[in-house]
Amino acid sequence: IDVKGRDYELTPFGAGRRICPGLPLAVKTVSLMLASLLYSFDWKLPNGIVPEDLDMDETFGITLHKTNPLHAIPIKKKNAPLIN
């Protein structure tokens, strides 16, 4: 499914003449922000939870989201500077 196409199953930024003007900016920056977070931090689960115990159930609505939100703790890497 392409967010810029005419597939109306997914319209996170609207469609047609009412499409969000910020779409090009969002498409370019979301991957950069995610890469920056993954590069700069190690991630752990709280309270000794192991990955096998994570609840991956989803709840359907206007948007699809996790039934129980994921809580992750960022730990700054010693050798990785924060990217500005």
N, C-alpha and C. Protein backbone atom coordinates (compact mmCIF):
# COMPACT_ATOMS: atom_id res chain seq x y z
N ILE A 1 0.85 -1.17 0.00
CA ILE A 1 0.00 0.00 0.00
C ILE A 1 0.90 1.22 0.00
N ASP A 2 0.65 2.13 -0.90
CA ASP A 2 1.44 3.35 -1.03
C ASP A 2 0.68 4.52 -0.40
N VAL A 3 1.30 5.23 0.55
CA VAL A 3 0.62 6.34 1.21
C VAL A 3 0.36 7.49 0.25
N LYS A 4 1.09 7.56 -0.86
CA LYS A 4 0.90 8.65 -1.81
C LYS A 4 -0.04 8.28 -2.95
N GLY A 5 -0.44 7.03 -3.02
CA GLY A 5 -1.26 6.57 -4.13
C GLY A 5 -2.75 6.78 -3.91
N ARG A 6 -3.54 6.11 -4.72
CA ARG A 6 -4.99 6.23 -4.64
C ARG A 6 -5.61 5.01 -3.97
N ASP A 7 -4.84 4.32 -3.15
CA ASP A 7 -5.36 3.17 -2.41
C ASP A 7 -5.98 3.71 -1.12
N TYR A 8 -7.30 3.73 -1.04
CA TYR A 8 -7.97 4.37 0.08
C TYR A 8 -8.11 3.48 1.30
N GLU A 9 -7.42 2.33 1.33
CA GLU A 9 -7.41 1.51 2.54
C GLU A 9 -6.53 2.16 3.60
N LEU A 10 -5.54 2.95 3.16
CA LEU A 10 -4.63 3.63 4.07
C LEU A 10 -4.53 5.08 3.64
N THR A 11 -5.03 5.99 4.46
CA THR A 11 -4.94 7.42 4.14
C THR A 11 -4.45 8.18 5.37
N PRO A 12 -3.19 7.97 5.79
CA PRO A 12 -2.71 8.64 6.99
C PRO A 12 -2.54 10.14 6.82
N PHE A 13 -2.41 10.61 5.58
CA PHE A 13 -2.21 12.03 5.32
C PHE A 13 -3.32 12.61 4.47
N GLY A 14 -4.47 11.96 4.40
CA GLY A 14 -5.55 12.41 3.55
C GLY A 14 -5.34 11.90 2.14
N ALA A 15 -6.14 12.40 1.21
CA ALA A 15 -6.03 11.94 -0.17
C ALA A 15 -6.53 13.02 -1.11
N GLY A 16 -6.07 12.93 -2.33
CA GLY A 16 -6.54 13.85 -3.37
C GLY A 16 -6.21 15.29 -3.08
N ARG A 17 -7.19 16.17 -3.28
CA ARG A 17 -6.96 17.60 -3.09
C ARG A 17 -6.81 17.99 -1.62
N ARG A 18 -7.22 17.10 -0.73
CA ARG A 18 -7.15 17.41 0.70
C ARG A 18 -5.95 16.74 1.38
N ILE A 19 -4.98 16.34 0.60
CA ILE A 19 -3.81 15.67 1.16
C ILE A 19 -2.98 16.66 1.98
N CYS A 20 -2.36 16.19 3.01
CA CYS A 20 -1.55 17.02 3.90
C CYS A 20 -0.33 17.57 3.16
N PRO A 21 -0.09 18.89 3.22
CA PRO A 21 1.09 19.44 2.55
C PRO A 21 2.41 19.03 3.22
N GLY A 22 2.34 18.49 4.42
CA GLY A 22 3.55 18.06 5.12
C GLY A 22 3.98 16.65 4.81
N LEU A 23 3.28 15.97 3.90
CA LEU A 23 3.60 14.57 3.57
C LEU A 23 5.04 14.39 3.12
N PRO A 24 5.58 15.17 2.18
CA PRO A 24 6.98 14.94 1.77
C PRO A 24 7.97 15.11 2.92
N LEU A 25 7.73 16.08 3.79
CA LEU A 25 8.61 16.28 4.94
C LEU A 25 8.53 15.09 5.89
N ALA A 26 7.34 14.61 6.17
CA ALA A 26 7.16 13.47 7.07
C ALA A 26 7.82 12.21 6.53
N VAL A 27 7.65 11.95 5.25
CA VAL A 27 8.22 10.74 4.64
C VAL A 27 9.74 10.76 4.74
N LYS A 28 10.35 11.93 4.58
CA LYS A 28 11.81 12.02 4.61
C LYS A 28 12.38 12.02 6.03
N THR A 29 11.66 12.59 6.99
CA THR A 29 12.25 12.74 8.32
C THR A 29 11.96 11.59 9.27
N VAL A 30 10.88 10.85 9.09
CA VAL A 30 10.57 9.77 10.02
C VAL A 30 11.66 8.71 10.02
N SER A 31 12.13 8.32 8.84
CA SER A 31 13.19 7.30 8.78
C SER A 31 14.49 7.84 9.37
N LEU A 32 14.79 9.12 9.17
CA LEU A 32 16.00 9.72 9.73
C LEU A 32 15.93 9.75 11.26
N MET A 33 14.79 10.12 11.81
CA MET A 33 14.63 10.15 13.26
C MET A 33 14.74 8.76 13.87
N LEU A 34 14.11 7.78 13.24
CA LEU A 34 14.18 6.41 13.74
C LEU A 34 15.62 5.90 13.70
N ALA A 35 16.33 6.16 12.61
CA ALA A 35 17.72 5.73 12.50
C ALA A 35 18.58 6.40 13.56
N SER A 36 18.33 7.66 13.84
CA SER A 36 19.08 8.38 14.87
C SER A 36 18.85 7.77 16.25
N LEU A 37 17.62 7.42 16.56
CA LEU A 37 17.33 6.79 17.86
C LEU A 37 17.98 5.42 17.97
N LEU A 38 17.91 4.63 16.91
CA LEU A 38 18.51 3.29 16.95
C LEU A 38 20.04 3.37 17.03
N TYR A 39 20.64 4.36 16.37
CA TYR A 39 22.09 4.51 16.38
C TYR A 39 22.61 5.00 17.73
N SER A 40 21.89 5.90 18.37
CA SER A 40 22.39 6.56 19.57
C SER A 40 22.08 5.84 20.88
N PHE A 41 21.15 4.90 20.87
CA PHE A 41 20.73 4.28 22.11
C PHE A 41 20.69 2.76 21.99
N ASP A 42 20.96 2.10 23.11
CA ASP A 42 20.63 0.69 23.28
C ASP A 42 19.27 0.68 23.97
N TRP A 43 18.48 -0.34 23.70
CA TRP A 43 17.13 -0.38 24.23
C TRP A 43 16.95 -1.62 25.09
N LYS A 44 16.26 -1.48 26.22
CA LYS A 44 15.95 -2.63 27.06
C LYS A 44 14.50 -2.56 27.50
N LEU A 45 13.99 -3.69 27.90
CA LEU A 45 12.62 -3.77 28.40
C LEU A 45 12.61 -3.57 29.91
N PRO A 46 11.57 -2.96 30.46
CA PRO A 46 11.53 -2.70 31.90
C PRO A 46 11.24 -3.96 32.71
N ASN A 47 11.68 -3.94 33.95
CA ASN A 47 11.35 -4.97 34.96
C ASN A 47 11.67 -6.39 34.52
N GLY A 48 12.74 -6.59 33.80
CA GLY A 48 13.17 -7.93 33.44
C GLY A 48 12.24 -8.66 32.48
N ILE A 49 11.42 -7.96 31.74
CA ILE A 49 10.54 -8.61 30.76
C ILE A 49 11.40 -9.11 29.61
N VAL A 50 11.16 -10.33 29.17
CA VAL A 50 11.89 -10.89 28.04
C VAL A 50 11.06 -10.70 26.77
N PRO A 51 11.70 -10.60 25.61
CA PRO A 51 10.96 -10.36 24.36
C PRO A 51 9.86 -11.38 24.09
N GLU A 52 10.04 -12.62 24.54
CA GLU A 52 9.03 -13.65 24.30
C GLU A 52 7.73 -13.36 25.05
N ASP A 53 7.79 -12.56 26.11
CA ASP A 53 6.61 -12.25 26.91
C ASP A 53 5.84 -11.02 26.41
N LEU A 54 6.33 -10.36 25.36
CA LEU A 54 5.66 -9.16 24.86
C LEU A 54 4.31 -9.50 24.25
N ASP A 55 3.33 -8.67 24.53
CA ASP A 55 1.99 -8.84 23.96
C ASP A 55 1.95 -8.08 22.64
N MET A 56 1.81 -8.79 21.53
CA MET A 56 1.83 -8.18 20.21
C MET A 56 0.42 -8.03 19.62
N ASP A 57 -0.61 -8.11 20.46
CA ASP A 57 -1.98 -7.96 19.98
C ASP A 57 -2.22 -6.54 19.49
N GLU A 58 -3.11 -6.42 18.50
CA GLU A 58 -3.43 -5.13 17.91
C GLU A 58 -4.91 -4.84 18.11
N THR A 59 -5.25 -3.56 18.17
CA THR A 59 -6.62 -3.12 18.28
C THR A 59 -6.98 -2.35 17.02
N PHE A 60 -8.09 -2.72 16.41
CA PHE A 60 -8.50 -2.07 15.17
C PHE A 60 -9.41 -0.89 15.48
N GLY A 61 -9.29 0.14 14.68
CA GLY A 61 -10.13 1.33 14.77
C GLY A 61 -9.84 2.16 13.54
N ILE A 62 -9.89 3.47 13.67
CA ILE A 62 -9.50 4.32 12.54
C ILE A 62 -8.03 4.09 12.24
N THR A 63 -7.24 3.89 13.28
CA THR A 63 -5.84 3.52 13.12
C THR A 63 -5.61 2.18 13.79
N LEU A 64 -4.53 1.54 13.45
CA LEU A 64 -4.17 0.26 14.05
C LEU A 64 -3.10 0.53 15.10
N HIS A 65 -3.34 0.14 16.32
CA HIS A 65 -2.34 0.33 17.37
C HIS A 65 -2.31 -0.89 18.27
N LYS A 66 -1.23 -0.97 19.07
CA LYS A 66 -1.06 -2.10 19.98
C LYS A 66 -2.08 -2.01 21.11
N THR A 67 -2.61 -3.16 21.52
CA THR A 67 -3.55 -3.21 22.63
C THR A 67 -2.87 -2.75 23.92
N ASN A 68 -1.68 -3.26 24.17
CA ASN A 68 -0.87 -2.83 25.31
C ASN A 68 0.37 -2.15 24.76
N PRO A 69 0.57 -0.86 25.07
CA PRO A 69 1.71 -0.13 24.51
C PRO A 69 3.05 -0.74 24.91
N LEU A 70 4.02 -0.61 24.02
CA LEU A 70 5.37 -1.08 24.29
C LEU A 70 6.10 -0.02 25.10
N HIS A 71 6.70 -0.44 26.19
CA HIS A 71 7.52 0.46 27.00
C HIS A 71 8.95 -0.02 26.87
N ALA A 72 9.81 0.85 26.35
CA ALA A 72 11.22 0.52 26.17
C ALA A 72 12.05 1.61 26.84
N ILE A 73 13.17 1.22 27.41
CA ILE A 73 14.03 2.15 28.12
C ILE A 73 15.27 2.41 27.27
N PRO A 74 15.50 3.68 26.86
CA PRO A 74 16.70 4.00 26.08
C PRO A 74 17.91 4.16 27.00
N ILE A 75 19.02 3.60 26.59
CA ILE A 75 20.28 3.73 27.32
C ILE A 75 21.31 4.28 26.33
N LYS A 76 21.85 5.47 26.63
CA LYS A 76 22.78 6.11 25.70
C LYS A 76 24.03 5.27 25.53
N LYS A 77 24.41 5.05 24.28
CA LYS A 77 25.64 4.32 24.00
C LYS A 77 26.83 5.20 24.36
N LYS A 78 27.87 4.60 24.88
CA LYS A 78 29.03 5.38 25.30
C LYS A 78 29.80 5.96 24.12
N ASN A 79 29.92 5.22 23.05
CA ASN A 79 30.73 5.67 21.92
C ASN A 79 29.93 6.38 20.84
N ALA A 80 28.64 6.43 20.96
CA ALA A 80 27.82 7.04 19.91
C ALA A 80 27.36 8.42 20.34
N PRO A 81 27.86 9.46 19.67
CA PRO A 81 27.38 10.81 20.01
C PRO A 81 25.95 10.99 19.54
N LEU A 82 25.22 11.85 20.21
CA LEU A 82 23.87 12.16 19.76
C LEU A 82 23.97 12.92 18.44
N ILE A 83 23.15 12.55 17.50
CA ILE A 83 23.17 13.21 16.19
C ILE A 83 22.28 14.43 16.26
N ASN A 84 22.81 15.57 15.87
CA ASN A 84 22.03 16.82 15.89
C ASN A 84 21.30 17.01 14.61
